[in-house]
């Protein structure tokens, strides 16, 4: 099996897990590179290989997801899962590692997802996929590839749909200077690496800047980079 065939099998496995979770009563959605491949029409010919699968689940659905995974031949990392059950779970199964975030994606920044899970399936929305990539302070090549593909295949508009929701980005980032700082810098870095997505990146940046800025945002902006605005967690493979 070639690397691309293996990656395609991982995407298919992720979609199947979401379906099994839904049948068991768990609200689960794919995130990460495999989710971007699926959402961009590249499920059968992914744009790159994946180290693992990533998804997010509602807190009340975590137990049902665990049972569904066990039926598919997955085993959880018992000690890690017991210590981190409220935020993150790790499993190993037929196509490798599965990293599960509970209701929010938390790495360099926290991306809220609890109220967003019902908006799309089998992945989170395009907007949320983009945020999970752009929240990386030290963006790497795989993140650049993922963001470029996502922006190659999705426009920026207002409201929810199969596009980047500029209104949502403007509202979310307008309340969090740190997240705004990282997302705008990372988006600029991708545009410099992949000039073809420059116009779309500019549209997204304009939507972000047009969003209202809260008092919380303005107060943190006065401090600026004198205080660290991000975390440096252990990297998540995708």
Protein backbone atom coordinates (compact mmCIF):
# COMPACT_ATOMS: atom_id res chain seq x y z
CA UNK A 1 0.00 0.00 0.00
CA UNK A 2 1.38 3.40 -0.98
CA UNK A 3 1.58 6.35 1.40
CA UNK A 4 -1.38 8.01 -0.34
CA UNK A 5 -3.44 4.81 -0.10
CA UNK A 6 -2.60 4.60 3.60
CA UNK A 7 -3.64 8.22 4.10
CA UNK A 8 -6.89 7.60 2.21
CA UNK A 9 -7.57 4.60 4.44
CA UNK A 10 -7.08 6.82 7.49
CA UNK A 11 -9.57 9.37 6.18
CA UNK A 12 -12.10 6.59 5.51
CA UNK A 13 -11.51 5.19 8.99
CA UNK A 14 -12.11 8.58 10.55
CA UNK A 15 -15.39 9.02 8.70
CA UNK A 16 -16.46 5.52 9.75
CA UNK A 17 -15.65 6.27 13.40
CA UNK A 18 -17.84 9.38 13.29
CA UNK A 19 -20.69 7.31 11.85
CA UNK A 20 -20.31 4.62 14.53
CA UNK A 21 -20.12 7.27 17.24
CA UNK A 22 -23.30 8.93 15.99
CA UNK A 23 -25.07 5.54 15.95
CA UNK A 24 -23.99 5.08 19.57
CA UNK A 25 -25.31 8.50 20.55
CA UNK A 26 -21.98 10.36 20.61
CA UNK A 27 -21.41 13.67 18.85
CA UNK A 28 -17.93 13.34 17.36
CA UNK A 29 -16.26 15.16 14.48
CA UNK A 30 -12.95 14.83 12.62
CA UNK A 31 -10.34 17.58 12.83
CA UNK A 32 -6.76 17.81 11.59
CA UNK A 33 -5.21 17.06 8.23
CA UNK A 34 -7.47 14.11 7.43
CA UNK A 35 -10.54 16.27 8.04
CA UNK A 36 -9.17 18.96 5.73
CA UNK A 37 -8.53 16.35 3.02
CA UNK A 38 -12.14 15.14 3.31
CA UNK A 39 -13.63 18.63 3.35
CA UNK A 40 -11.54 19.69 0.34
CA UNK A 41 -12.56 16.76 -1.88
CA UNK A 42 -9.28 14.89 -1.40
CA UNK A 43 -10.49 11.92 0.66
CA UNK A 44 -9.35 9.40 -1.99
CA UNK A 45 -6.12 11.23 -2.85
CA UNK A 46 -5.02 13.10 0.29
CA UNK A 47 -2.57 15.95 -0.12
CA UNK A 48 -0.13 14.48 2.40
CA UNK A 49 0.41 11.62 4.83
CA UNK A 50 -0.95 11.65 8.38
CA UNK A 51 0.81 10.53 11.55
CA UNK A 52 -2.53 9.93 13.24
CA UNK A 53 -6.21 10.80 13.27
CA UNK A 54 -7.69 13.61 15.33
CA UNK A 55 -11.24 14.32 16.40
CA UNK A 56 -13.34 16.17 18.94
CA UNK A 57 -16.23 14.78 20.97
CA UNK A 58 -18.84 16.25 23.28
CA UNK A 59 -18.22 15.54 26.95
CA UNK A 60 -21.43 13.56 27.36
CA UNK A 61 -20.57 11.52 24.27
CA UNK A 62 -17.05 10.51 25.34
CA UNK A 63 -18.19 7.27 26.94
CA UNK A 64 -20.24 6.20 23.93
CA UNK A 65 -17.34 7.06 21.62
CA UNK A 66 -14.99 4.95 23.73
CA UNK A 67 -17.34 1.95 23.43
CA UNK A 68 -17.68 2.46 19.68
CA UNK A 69 -13.90 2.59 19.35
CA UNK A 70 -13.44 -0.59 21.37
CA UNK A 71 -15.83 -2.34 19.00
CA UNK A 72 -13.62 -1.20 16.12
CA UNK A 73 -10.53 -2.67 17.77
CA UNK A 74 -9.12 0.41 19.49
CA UNK A 75 -7.45 0.42 22.88
CA UNK A 76 -7.17 3.50 25.05
CA UNK A 77 -4.10 4.67 26.91
CA UNK A 78 -5.61 3.92 30.30
CA UNK A 79 -3.42 6.04 32.55
CA UNK A 80 -3.42 9.06 30.23
CA UNK A 81 -7.16 8.85 29.64
CA UNK A 82 -7.91 8.52 33.35
CA UNK A 83 -5.86 11.63 34.13
CA UNK A 84 -7.08 13.73 31.21
CA UNK A 85 -10.64 12.50 30.61
CA UNK A 86 -12.11 16.02 30.76
CA UNK A 87 -9.90 17.40 28.01
CA UNK A 88 -8.22 14.71 25.89
CA UNK A 89 -8.18 10.97 25.17
CA UNK A 90 -5.72 8.83 23.22
CA UNK A 91 -6.47 5.52 21.50
CA UNK A 92 -4.57 3.11 19.26
CA UNK A 93 -6.28 1.03 16.60
CA UNK A 94 -6.22 -0.46 13.10
CA UNK A 95 -4.86 2.64 11.34
CA UNK A 96 -2.68 3.89 14.19
CA UNK A 97 -3.09 6.56 16.84
CA UNK A 98 -6.34 8.47 17.43
CA UNK A 99 -6.21 11.72 19.42
CA UNK A 100 -9.57 12.86 20.81
CA UNK A 101 -10.18 16.34 22.20
CA UNK A 102 -13.15 16.86 24.50
CA UNK A 103 -15.31 19.85 23.48
CA UNK A 104 -12.39 22.15 22.75
CA UNK A 105 -9.10 22.10 20.90
CA UNK A 106 -6.39 23.31 23.23
CA UNK A 107 -2.78 23.65 22.11
CA UNK A 108 -1.13 27.07 21.71
CA UNK A 109 -4.60 28.55 22.21
CA UNK A 110 -8.00 27.20 23.15
CA UNK A 111 -10.53 26.87 20.34
CA UNK A 112 -14.09 26.34 21.68
CA UNK A 113 -15.97 23.60 19.82
CA UNK A 114 -18.77 22.38 22.10
CA UNK A 115 -21.49 24.50 20.48
CA UNK A 116 -19.99 24.04 17.01
CA UNK A 117 -20.23 20.27 16.63
CA UNK A 118 -23.77 20.27 15.28
CA UNK A 119 -22.92 22.66 12.43
CA UNK A 120 -21.20 20.13 10.17
CA UNK A 121 -20.36 16.43 9.79
CA UNK A 122 -18.25 14.30 9.63
CA UNK A 123 -15.77 17.11 10.32
CA UNK A 124 -16.06 20.36 12.23
CA UNK A 125 -16.76 23.40 10.05
CA UNK A 126 -14.24 24.83 7.61
CA UNK A 127 -13.88 27.83 9.91
CA UNK A 128 -13.03 25.66 12.91
CA UNK A 129 -10.61 23.54 10.89
CA UNK A 130 -8.85 26.74 9.85
CA UNK A 131 -8.67 27.99 13.43
CA UNK A 132 -7.13 24.76 14.72
CA UNK A 133 -4.36 25.22 12.17
CA UNK A 134 -3.78 28.95 12.50
CA UNK A 135 -3.61 28.85 16.32
CA UNK A 136 -0.12 27.36 15.96
CA UNK A 137 2.55 29.88 16.98
CA UNK A 138 5.38 28.10 15.19
CA UNK A 139 3.53 26.99 12.06
CA UNK A 140 5.20 24.11 10.22
CA UNK A 141 5.11 22.70 6.70
CA UNK A 142 2.19 20.34 7.25
CA UNK A 143 0.11 23.18 8.69
CA UNK A 144 1.01 25.35 5.69
CA UNK A 145 -0.10 22.57 3.33
CA UNK A 146 -3.37 22.10 5.21
CA UNK A 147 -4.26 25.79 5.34
CA UNK A 148 -3.33 26.30 1.68
CA UNK A 149 -5.56 23.42 0.58
CA UNK A 150 -8.43 24.63 2.75
CA UNK A 151 -8.21 28.14 1.29
CA UNK A 152 -7.74 26.83 -2.25
CA UNK A 153 -11.11 25.11 -1.99
CA UNK A 154 -13.20 27.40 0.26
CA UNK A 155 -14.24 31.04 0.02
CA UNK A 156 -14.66 33.56 2.82
CA UNK A 157 -18.27 34.62 3.41
CA UNK A 158 -20.62 35.67 6.19
CA UNK A 159 -22.59 33.07 8.14
CA UNK A 160 -22.20 29.33 8.51
CA UNK A 161 -21.77 27.06 5.51
CA UNK A 162 -19.14 25.33 3.39
CA UNK A 163 -16.86 28.34 3.56
CA UNK A 164 -14.79 30.36 6.03
CA UNK A 165 -17.20 32.34 8.22
CA UNK A 166 -15.62 35.78 8.39
CA UNK A 167 -18.22 37.06 10.86
CA UNK A 168 -17.49 34.27 13.33
CA UNK A 169 -13.74 34.79 13.06
CA UNK A 170 -14.11 38.52 13.60
CA UNK A 171 -16.25 38.02 16.70
CA UNK A 172 -14.12 35.29 18.26
CA UNK A 173 -10.77 36.96 17.65
CA UNK A 174 -12.14 40.36 18.58
CA UNK A 175 -12.46 39.14 22.16
CA UNK A 176 -9.02 37.50 22.41
CA UNK A 177 -5.97 39.55 21.50
CA UNK A 178 -3.62 36.60 21.93
CA UNK A 179 -5.55 34.39 19.54
CA UNK A 180 -5.89 37.32 17.13
CA UNK A 181 -2.14 37.89 17.25
CA UNK A 182 -1.29 34.27 16.48
CA UNK A 183 -3.97 33.64 13.85
CA UNK A 184 -3.17 36.76 11.85
CA UNK A 185 0.58 36.09 11.99
CA UNK A 186 0.16 32.43 10.99
CA UNK A 187 -2.17 33.34 8.13
CA UNK A 188 0.39 35.81 6.88
CA UNK A 189 3.10 33.17 7.08
CA UNK A 190 1.03 30.76 4.97
CA UNK A 191 0.36 33.47 2.39
CA UNK A 192 4.06 34.18 2.12
CA UNK A 193 4.84 30.49 1.68
CA UNK A 194 1.97 29.90 -0.77
CA UNK A 195 1.41 33.18 -2.66
CA UNK A 196 -1.55 31.80 -4.62
CA UNK A 197 -3.75 31.96 -1.52
CA UNK A 198 -2.71 35.55 -0.80
CA UNK A 199 -5.95 37.14 -2.06
CA UNK A 200 -8.10 34.82 0.03
CA UNK A 201 -5.91 35.39 3.06
CA UNK A 202 -6.41 39.12 2.59
CA UNK A 203 -10.19 38.63 2.51
CA UNK A 204 -10.06 36.69 5.78
CA UNK A 205 -7.79 39.26 7.41
CA UNK A 206 -10.17 42.02 6.37
CA UNK A 207 -13.10 40.14 7.90
CA UNK A 208 -11.15 39.66 11.12
CA UNK A 209 -10.23 43.33 11.34
CA UNK A 210 -13.83 44.37 10.65
CA UNK A 211 -15.03 42.45 13.69
CA UNK A 212 -15.80 44.42 16.87
CA UNK A 213 -13.05 44.53 19.49
CA UNK A 214 -14.08 44.06 23.10
CA UNK A 215 -12.72 45.91 26.11
CA UNK A 216 -10.91 42.69 27.05
CA UNK A 217 -9.19 42.69 23.65
CA UNK A 218 -8.19 46.35 23.89
CA UNK A 219 -6.77 46.01 27.40
CA UNK A 220 -4.66 42.99 26.42
CA UNK A 221 -3.54 44.74 23.24
CA UNK A 222 -1.98 47.51 25.37
CA UNK A 223 0.28 44.92 27.00
CA UNK A 224 1.09 43.39 23.63
CA UNK A 225 4.08 41.10 23.30
CA UNK A 226 5.60 42.17 26.61
CA UNK A 227 3.67 39.24 28.08
CA UNK A 228 3.51 35.84 26.40
CA UNK A 229 0.13 35.34 24.74
CA UNK A 230 0.29 31.61 23.97
CA UNK A 231 1.15 28.21 25.40
CA UNK A 232 3.79 25.84 24.05
CA UNK A 233 2.22 22.41 24.51
CA UNK A 234 3.52 19.06 23.38
CA UNK A 235 2.98 18.88 19.63
CA UNK A 236 0.05 16.86 18.32
CA UNK A 237 0.87 14.67 15.33
CA UNK A 238 -1.57 14.73 12.42
